[in-house]
């Protein structure tokens, strides 16, 4: 039960309007009235058309492509709500852009994920709700509370239902060493063994598969990752697995960035089905037959309800 008397308000900019509507529907509220427009010179302007004084406000906005526009929409909306005396502002960011720039990989590199975290905090957000940050330590870049949801509890049941009576025929595979923890968590939920693709990245968005660690011969494969960007890693891994004797390759990820040649690569690849969450709103031309979207609005709605009711969010991580 909700113990305080503040009303709840849901606002959204332009990145996730469909998801925002589904979240609001799950909560039994309507989307707040606001205009988000871009002037001819590229400046963004936001007008809030209802009172938010003292309200518990949730702003839903993925910082996906066009990344910089969507970040500015989020920052300006938070600023507008703060200046309108909102009681508490939670930035709900299903997909957090710049998350891959979380450290200095070489001399004189920026740490852009930290900069974006500082901007969101400075704009006036009181807390952040997000899902599957590329690097979990990004939570520490914020000086405000961060609730970090996981995509595995949504993705795992899909494959558990598919393979639950033939566990001896399938293997969960991590496409690289960095995704092993996520893949191991996934494997435990679907009661399947784990294998790893070892790769060496030569340059940005280009990867070379080296070898397979684990037994995949004659098995149906479930590749598990946090995001699919240009799909090079994923498609190369699928090819290497088939070359190593795998029977079929399925893949899943939380975030379908799908930039550049991703769709063409996936269509031509040996991947039988790619299952992703709708943290990023995809245009119709990217919704090819090989891609299946699973909704994450119900989980975000539960998290928002728990935050609003001052109850723990941690049960949603299980």
Foldseek 3Di string as FASTA:
>chain_A
DFDDDAAEAEEEEPWPPVLSQLLCVLLVHGHFDKDWDADPVGDIDMDGDDQQAQHEYEYEFACAVVNVSRLVSLLNVLLVNVVSHHNAYEYEHAHHPLLVLCDDPDPPRDSVLLVSLVSNVVSPHQEYEYEPRVDVCSCVSHPHYYHYAYPLVVPLVVVLVVCVVPQVAEEEEELEPSCVVVSVVSCVSSVHHYKYFYWDAPDPPAIGTDAIGDDQARHEYEYEDAEQACCNSVQNSQVRSVVNHHDAYEYEHAYYSNDDNNQVSVVPGRHQAYEYEPSGPDDPVSPDPRYDYDYPSNLVSVQVVCVSSVHDSVVSRD
